[in-house]
Protein backbone atom coordinates (compact mmCIF):
# COMPACT_ATOMS: atom_id res chain seq x y z
CA UNK A 1 -2.50 -88.70 -81.03
CA UNK A 2 -2.29 -86.63 -78.11
CA UNK A 3 -2.45 -82.96 -78.71
CA UNK A 4 0.44 -80.77 -78.15
CA UNK A 5 -0.18 -78.69 -74.94
CA UNK A 6 -0.55 -74.83 -75.67
CA UNK A 7 1.60 -72.25 -73.90
CA UNK A 8 -0.30 -70.20 -71.46
CA UNK A 9 -1.48 -66.95 -72.55
CA UNK A 10 0.18 -64.24 -71.00
CA UNK A 11 -1.87 -61.66 -69.14
CA UNK A 12 -1.33 -57.96 -70.22
CA UNK A 13 0.22 -55.64 -67.70
CA UNK A 14 -2.81 -53.34 -68.14
CA UNK A 15 -5.05 -56.20 -67.03
CA UNK A 16 -2.88 -56.87 -63.94
CA UNK A 17 -2.91 -53.27 -63.13
CA UNK A 18 -6.75 -53.21 -63.50
CA UNK A 19 -7.03 -56.36 -61.20
CA UNK A 20 -4.47 -54.46 -58.49
CA UNK A 21 -6.68 -51.46 -58.47
CA UNK A 22 -9.78 -53.20 -58.02
CA UNK A 23 -8.63 -55.79 -55.43
CA UNK A 24 -5.83 -54.18 -53.64
CA UNK A 25 -5.43 -50.65 -54.17
CA UNK A 26 -8.54 -49.70 -52.20
CA UNK A 27 -7.07 -51.51 -48.91
CA UNK A 28 -3.72 -49.85 -49.55
CA UNK A 29 -5.42 -46.28 -49.61
CA UNK A 30 -7.50 -47.09 -46.67
CA UNK A 31 -4.36 -48.11 -44.71
CA UNK A 32 -2.56 -44.95 -45.90
CA UNK A 33 -5.31 -42.81 -44.80
CA UNK A 34 -5.79 -44.48 -41.55
CA UNK A 35 -1.87 -44.41 -40.86
CA UNK A 36 -2.03 -40.58 -41.83
CA UNK A 37 -4.95 -39.74 -39.34
CA UNK A 38 -3.28 -41.52 -36.57
CA UNK A 39 -0.08 -39.58 -37.33
CA UNK A 40 -2.14 -36.31 -37.48
CA UNK A 41 -3.83 -37.16 -34.29
CA UNK A 42 -0.85 -38.00 -32.31
CA UNK A 43 1.32 -35.22 -33.75
CA UNK A 44 -0.87 -32.20 -34.39
CA UNK A 45 -4.36 -32.77 -32.54
CA UNK A 46 -4.55 -32.76 -28.81
CA UNK A 47 -7.53 -33.05 -26.58
CA UNK A 48 -9.28 -29.87 -25.64
CA UNK A 49 -9.88 -30.62 -22.06
CA UNK A 50 -6.96 -28.52 -21.02
CA UNK A 51 -5.93 -25.26 -22.44
CA UNK A 52 -3.24 -22.62 -21.37
CA UNK A 53 -0.85 -19.99 -22.31
CA UNK A 54 2.49 -18.65 -21.40
CA UNK A 55 2.08 -16.44 -18.39
CA UNK A 56 3.07 -12.67 -19.09
CA UNK A 57 4.83 -10.62 -16.31
CA UNK A 58 4.05 -6.98 -17.17
CA UNK A 59 4.68 -4.16 -14.36
CA UNK A 60 3.66 -0.56 -14.68
CA UNK A 61 6.11 2.09 -13.55
CA UNK A 62 3.82 4.79 -11.73
CA UNK A 63 4.64 8.29 -10.12
CA UNK A 64 3.96 8.66 -6.44
CA UNK A 65 3.22 12.49 -6.98
CA UNK A 66 1.34 14.65 -9.17
CA UNK A 67 3.61 16.51 -11.56
CA UNK A 68 5.26 16.87 -15.04
CA UNK A 69 7.58 14.61 -16.98
CA UNK A 70 10.56 16.54 -17.55
CA UNK A 71 12.67 13.76 -18.99
CA UNK A 72 11.75 10.18 -20.70
CA UNK A 73 15.05 8.24 -20.81
CA UNK A 74 13.61 5.04 -22.66
CA UNK A 75 11.50 4.39 -25.78
CA UNK A 76 9.51 1.50 -26.82
CA UNK A 77 10.78 -1.96 -27.31
CA UNK A 78 13.89 -0.79 -25.43
CA UNK A 79 15.46 -3.39 -22.87
CA UNK A 80 16.18 -2.18 -19.42
CA UNK A 81 17.83 -3.63 -16.35
CA UNK A 82 16.47 -3.51 -12.77
CA UNK A 83 17.22 -0.16 -11.26
CA UNK A 84 17.78 1.66 -14.56
CA UNK A 85 16.22 5.13 -14.54
CA UNK A 86 13.21 5.37 -16.78
CA UNK A 87 11.90 8.99 -16.35
CA UNK A 88 12.26 12.09 -14.25
CA UNK A 89 9.22 13.69 -12.76
CA UNK A 90 9.05 17.19 -11.55
CA UNK A 91 6.77 16.83 -8.64
CA UNK A 92 5.11 20.20 -8.77
CA UNK A 93 5.50 23.96 -10.19
CA UNK A 94 8.25 25.85 -8.34
CA UNK A 95 5.81 28.69 -8.41
CA UNK A 96 3.37 26.64 -6.73
CA UNK A 97 5.78 25.54 -4.21
CA UNK A 98 6.82 29.16 -3.48
CA UNK A 99 3.22 30.20 -3.00
CA UNK A 100 2.74 27.13 -0.66
CA UNK A 101 5.80 28.29 1.50
CA UNK A 102 4.47 31.80 1.64
CA UNK A 103 0.88 30.64 2.58
CA UNK A 104 2.70 28.46 5.51
CA UNK A 105 4.69 31.39 6.54
CA UNK A 106 1.45 33.68 6.93
CA UNK A 107 -0.36 30.84 8.75
CA UNK A 108 2.61 30.46 11.24
CA UNK A 109 2.62 34.26 11.75
CA UNK A 110 -1.04 34.07 12.43
CA UNK A 111 -0.63 31.43 14.80
CA UNK A 112 2.18 33.52 16.51
CA UNK A 113 -0.22 36.38 16.70
CA UNK A 114 -2.71 34.46 18.52
CA UNK A 115 -0.39 32.86 20.81
CA UNK A 116 0.94 36.29 21.68
CA UNK A 117 -2.71 37.40 22.68
CA UNK A 118 -2.90 33.91 24.59
CA UNK A 119 0.32 34.86 26.38
CA UNK A 120 -0.76 38.30 27.24
CA UNK A 121 -3.96 36.72 28.75
CA UNK A 122 -1.99 34.40 30.56
CA UNK A 123 0.07 37.21 32.00
CA UNK A 124 -2.89 39.34 33.10
CA UNK A 125 -4.26 36.21 34.70
CA UNK A 126 -0.98 35.76 36.41
CA UNK A 127 -0.97 39.26 37.63
CA UNK A 128 -4.61 38.91 38.96
CA UNK A 129 -3.27 35.64 40.89
CA UNK A 130 -0.43 37.47 42.08
CA UNK A 131 -2.65 40.50 43.43
CA UNK A 132 -5.08 37.94 45.16
CA UNK A 133 -1.83 36.22 46.80
CA UNK A 134 -0.71 39.83 48.24
CA UNK A 135 -4.23 40.46 48.95
CA UNK A 136 -4.39 37.48 51.15
CA UNK A 137 -1.07 38.53 52.94
CA UNK A 138 -2.80 41.77 53.70
CA UNK A 139 -5.76 40.19 55.07
CA UNK A 140 -3.66 38.04 57.23
CA UNK A 141 -1.84 41.09 58.47
CA UNK A 142 -5.19 42.81 59.13
CA UNK A 143 -6.35 39.60 60.93
CA UNK A 144 -3.23 39.65 63.15
CA UNK A 145 -3.85 43.00 64.31
CA UNK A 146 -7.46 42.42 65.10
CA UNK A 147 -6.38 39.20 67.02
CA UNK A 148 -4.11 41.50 68.89
CA UNK A 149 -6.95 43.89 69.81
CA UNK A 150 -9.25 40.89 70.51
CA UNK A 151 -6.88 39.36 72.79
CA UNK A 152 -6.43 42.74 74.63
CA UNK A 153 -10.28 43.14 74.95
CA UNK A 154 -10.38 39.51 76.10
CA UNK A 155 -7.75 40.32 78.82
CA UNK A 156 -9.48 43.66 80.13
CA UNK A 157 -12.91 41.90 80.14
CA UNK A 158 -11.38 38.77 81.98
CA UNK A 159 -9.74 41.31 84.36
CA UNK A 160 -13.09 43.25 84.99
CA UNK A 161 -14.90 40.02 85.65
CA UNK A 162 -12.38 38.75 88.25
CA UNK A 163 -12.76 42.17 90.11
CA UNK A 164 -16.38 41.94 89.92
CA UNK A 165 -17.20 44.82 87.72
CA UNK A 166 -17.63 43.19 84.39
CA UNK A 167 -20.31 40.46 83.45
CA UNK A 168 -19.18 37.07 82.24
CA UNK A 169 -20.84 37.49 78.92
CA UNK A 170 -18.20 40.02 77.77
CA UNK A 171 -15.58 37.74 78.86
CA UNK A 172 -17.00 34.75 76.54
CA UNK A 173 -17.63 37.39 73.66
CA UNK A 174 -14.02 38.70 73.76
CA UNK A 175 -12.64 35.06 73.99
CA UNK A 176 -14.70 33.91 71.00
CA UNK A 177 -13.72 37.04 68.85
CA UNK A 178 -10.17 36.29 69.78
CA UNK A 179 -10.57 32.44 68.92
CA UNK A 180 -12.16 33.29 65.51
CA UNK A 181 -9.34 35.62 64.43
CA UNK A 182 -6.85 33.01 65.52
CA UNK A 183 -8.44 30.20 63.44
CA UNK A 184 -8.66 32.56 60.41
CA UNK A 185 -5.06 33.54 60.76
CA UNK A 186 -4.14 29.80 60.59
CA UNK A 187 -6.34 29.06 57.96
CA UNK A 188 -5.34 31.96 55.76
CA UNK A 189 -1.69 31.17 56.36
CA UNK A 190 -2.04 27.70 54.79
CA UNK A 191 -3.74 29.27 51.98
CA UNK A 192 -1.00 31.93 51.54
CA UNK A 193 1.62 28.90 51.72
CA UNK A 194 -0.15 26.96 49.08
CA UNK A 195 -0.54 30.41 46.72
CA UNK A 196 3.22 30.93 47.20
CA UNK A 197 4.27 27.63 46.15
CA UNK A 198 1.93 27.68 43.04
CA UNK A 199 2.90 31.32 42.34
CA UNK A 200 6.60 30.36 42.16
CA UNK A 201 5.79 27.60 39.72
CA UNK A 202 3.82 29.75 37.51
CA UNK A 203 6.33 32.43 37.48
CA UNK A 204 9.01 30.24 36.32
CA UNK A 205 6.93 28.66 33.67
CA UNK A 206 5.90 32.06 32.65
CA UNK A 207 9.72 33.23 32.18
CA UNK A 208 10.53 29.84 30.28
CA UNK A 209 7.49 30.41 27.88
CA UNK A 210 8.17 33.91 27.27
CA UNK A 211 12.06 33.38 26.39
CA UNK A 212 11.01 30.17 24.10
CA UNK A 213 7.81 31.20 22.75
CA UNK A 214 9.05 32.30 19.47
CA UNK A 215 11.40 29.27 18.76
CA UNK A 216 8.70 26.64 18.03
CA UNK A 217 7.09 29.08 15.35
CA UNK A 218 10.74 29.41 13.71
CA UNK A 219 10.92 25.75 13.59
CA UNK A 220 7.71 25.23 12.10
CA UNK A 221 8.25 27.79 9.52
CA UNK A 222 11.77 26.08 8.77
CA UNK A 223 10.29 22.45 8.85
CA UNK A 224 7.57 23.45 6.48
CA UNK A 225 9.96 25.02 4.01
CA UNK A 226 12.12 22.00 4.00
CA UNK A 227 9.09 19.77 3.30
CA UNK A 228 7.91 21.83 0.37
CA UNK A 229 11.58 22.25 -0.88
CA UNK A 230 11.66 18.41 -0.97
CA UNK A 231 8.50 18.37 -3.04
CA UNK A 232 9.92 20.82 -5.39
CA UNK A 233 13.05 18.21 -6.13
CA UNK A 234 12.41 15.98 -9.23
CA UNK A 235 11.99 12.23 -8.46
CA UNK A 236 13.53 9.63 -10.79
CA UNK A 237 11.53 6.85 -11.71
CA UNK A 238 13.44 3.26 -11.98
CA UNK A 239 12.70 0.06 -13.65
CA UNK A 240 11.43 -2.51 -10.91
CA UNK A 241 12.52 -5.48 -13.08
CA UNK A 242 14.61 -6.33 -16.21
CA UNK A 243 12.69 -6.49 -19.41
CA UNK A 244 11.60 -4.63 -22.37
CA UNK A 245 9.66 -1.69 -22.64
CA UNK A 246 6.45 -2.70 -24.09
CA UNK A 247 4.15 0.51 -23.93
CA UNK A 248 4.97 4.12 -23.40
CA UNK A 249 1.87 5.73 -21.74
CA UNK A 250 3.24 9.49 -21.55
CA UNK A 251 6.04 11.31 -22.98
CA UNK A 252 8.11 14.17 -21.82
CA UNK A 253 6.38 17.46 -21.22
CA UNK A 254 3.15 15.77 -20.19
CA UNK A 255 1.35 16.26 -16.58
CA UNK A 256 0.70 13.06 -14.61
CA UNK A 257 -1.28 12.44 -11.65
CA UNK A 258 -0.36 10.27 -8.86
CA UNK A 259 -0.39 6.52 -9.58
CA UNK A 260 -0.74 7.01 -13.18
CA UNK A 261 1.44 4.64 -15.30
CA UNK A 262 4.30 6.08 -17.22
CA UNK A 263 5.90 2.96 -19.00
CA UNK A 264 5.23 -0.62 -19.07
CA UNK A 265 7.76 -3.26 -18.82
CA UNK A 266 7.61 -6.79 -19.95
CA UNK A 267 9.61 -9.70 -18.85
CA UNK A 268 10.76 -11.47 -21.96
CA UNK A 269 11.29 -14.72 -20.27
CA UNK A 270 8.36 -17.11 -19.35
CA UNK A 271 8.77 -18.48 -16.14
CA UNK A 272 5.40 -20.31 -15.72
CA UNK A 273 2.33 -21.53 -17.81
CA UNK A 274 -1.22 -20.91 -16.47
CA UNK A 275 -3.71 -23.62 -17.96
CA UNK A 276 -7.46 -24.27 -17.35
CA UNK A 277 -8.97 -27.54 -16.90
CA UNK A 278 -12.35 -27.14 -18.79
CA UNK A 279 -15.60 -28.60 -17.31
CA UNK A 280 -16.57 -31.28 -16.57
CA UNK A 281 -13.73 -31.50 -14.24
CA UNK A 282 -14.02 -35.44 -13.66
CA UNK A 283 -10.67 -35.95 -12.05
CA UNK A 284 -8.90 -32.95 -10.15
CA UNK A 285 -5.31 -32.90 -10.91
CA UNK A 286 -2.57 -32.71 -8.21
CA UNK A 287 0.88 -31.42 -7.95
CA UNK A 288 2.26 -34.90 -8.50
CA UNK A 289 0.98 -34.94 -11.97
CA UNK A 290 2.97 -33.83 -15.02
CA UNK A 291 1.74 -31.93 -18.08
CA UNK A 292 2.93 -32.31 -21.62
CA UNK A 293 3.11 -28.92 -23.36
CA UNK A 294 3.05 -28.48 -26.97
CA UNK A 295 3.85 -25.41 -29.04
CA UNK A 296 1.94 -24.51 -32.19
CA UNK A 297 5.14 -24.58 -34.36
CA UNK A 298 6.29 -26.66 -37.42
CA UNK A 299 7.52 -28.99 -36.42
CA UNK A 300 5.87 -29.26 -33.27
CA UNK A 301 8.08 -28.69 -29.87
CA UNK A 302 7.05 -30.32 -26.81
CA UNK A 303 8.04 -30.87 -23.29
CA UNK A 304 7.12 -32.02 -19.89
CA UNK A 305 6.55 -29.78 -16.92
CA UNK A 306 5.25 -30.04 -13.48
CA UNK A 307 2.07 -28.99 -11.80
CA UNK A 308 3.18 -26.22 -9.33
CA UNK A 309 -0.10 -24.96 -8.18
CA UNK A 310 -4.00 -25.68 -8.68
CA UNK A 311 -6.71 -23.14 -8.05
CA UNK A 312 -9.26 -23.46 -5.45
CA UNK A 313 -12.21 -22.50 -7.69
CA UNK A 314 -13.21 -22.10 -11.26
CA UNK A 315 -12.63 -19.05 -13.15
CA UNK A 316 -13.38 -17.41 -16.37
CA UNK A 317 -11.26 -18.44 -19.31
CA UNK A 318 -10.00 -15.97 -21.75
CA UNK A 319 -12.37 -16.50 -24.81
CA UNK A 320 -9.41 -16.42 -27.03
CA UNK A 321 -8.27 -19.44 -25.78
CA UNK A 322 -11.66 -21.06 -26.83
CA UNK A 323 -12.31 -20.33 -30.09
CA UNK A 324 -12.48 -17.55 -32.49
CA UNK A 325 -15.76 -16.60 -30.97
CA UNK A 326 -14.59 -14.09 -28.51
CA UNK A 327 -18.18 -13.56 -26.96
CA UNK A 328 -18.17 -17.35 -25.87
CA UNK A 329 -17.61 -17.67 -22.17
CA UNK A 330 -16.53 -20.61 -19.91
CA UNK A 331 -14.98 -21.39 -16.69
CA UNK A 332 -12.23 -23.48 -15.60
CA UNK A 333 -10.25 -24.96 -12.96
CA UNK A 334 -6.78 -22.94 -13.08
CA UNK A 335 -3.37 -24.44 -12.60
CA UNK A 336 0.29 -23.37 -12.71
CA UNK A 337 2.68 -25.52 -14.77
CA UNK A 338 6.33 -25.13 -14.73
CA UNK A 339 8.33 -24.45 -18.02
CA UNK A 340 10.31 -27.27 -19.02
CA UNK A 341 13.83 -27.06 -19.74
CA UNK A 342 14.74 -26.58 -23.51
CA UNK A 343 11.55 -25.31 -24.71
CA UNK A 344 11.28 -21.48 -25.42
CA UNK A 345 8.07 -20.01 -24.94
CA UNK A 346 7.05 -16.45 -26.10
CA UNK A 347 5.00 -14.65 -23.26
CA UNK A 348 1.31 -14.76 -23.97
CA UNK A 349 1.94 -17.73 -26.48
CA UNK A 350 -0.97 -20.20 -26.50
CA UNK A 351 0.05 -23.94 -25.85
CA UNK A 352 -1.54 -27.30 -25.86
CA UNK A 353 -1.63 -29.19 -22.69
CA UNK A 354 -2.14 -32.70 -21.84
CA UNK A 355 -2.03 -33.93 -18.01
CA UNK A 356 -0.23 -37.07 -17.54
CA UNK A 357 -1.27 -38.83 -14.57
CA UNK A 358 0.89 -40.03 -12.16
CA UNK A 359 0.11 -43.79 -11.56
CA UNK A 360 1.02 -43.62 -7.79
CA UNK A 361 -1.80 -41.27 -7.28
């Protein structure tokens, strides 16, 4: 007689669970961990070969003259527009300007006195020149009289010689004396003519200088006074760009020197990204390459920008971009990347960069 088949003994659920934990659960856990690592790597971990930050455009509003801030029209974290008044600076002390005007007037008066002395000396020299001119004319008149006497002596000597009562030597001597006076008269006449022309020019210039000598000094005093008065007028400093007042360096009532910043204005909009390709730079990027930009936000925000410019040499990298160890120094190849549309970056924000090579390069 055949034995009846016994029903299969049911396996307890605990036993099945134990076998699953031993045989399959490690594989499942490993797969989940691997998937999590891949997810984290792709979504949160980026290669560290390229680092960068959103460029910050900060301008300083400075004064061009030494002075005192009489009014400060803005405060920190205030938004301003380009051309908006920022501060009013009194360029200098009014009493100082008054003293400078008086000093300039005294200096011009001293110059005027010196010029008067020079004019007197010129007048004296002119009189001496004029006396020399008259002396030459007197000497010429004397020579003319002597020429007449010498001519008469020559005629008498020549007459006596022809009559046979006078020697030939007296005739030659009288002729030489007469010719000498004639030559002297001719040369002195030329000299007197030249002296007369020069005297006429000098007399005309002297009258002009005498009548107009005071005007240049009055003009100099007036122009100097206007220059100092313009220095006294307050100057208004205006915002060169639109943005936010990030820092106030000086307040109303403070004295400032020329070139010192009064306030700093930051552009709230990021217009470009500065990146650094760390060493070793095995493949230099080009302007045909794109860059994937990722913000350190939750969830991550990313976009693709274009490389605009590439630096010509390696430059020092801000240690804060590298690690928490701010004493660490590295150099990298700088690149300028455009900000992709749809991604808002805060100026100065650190971003992750990945260069996507152009396959056609």
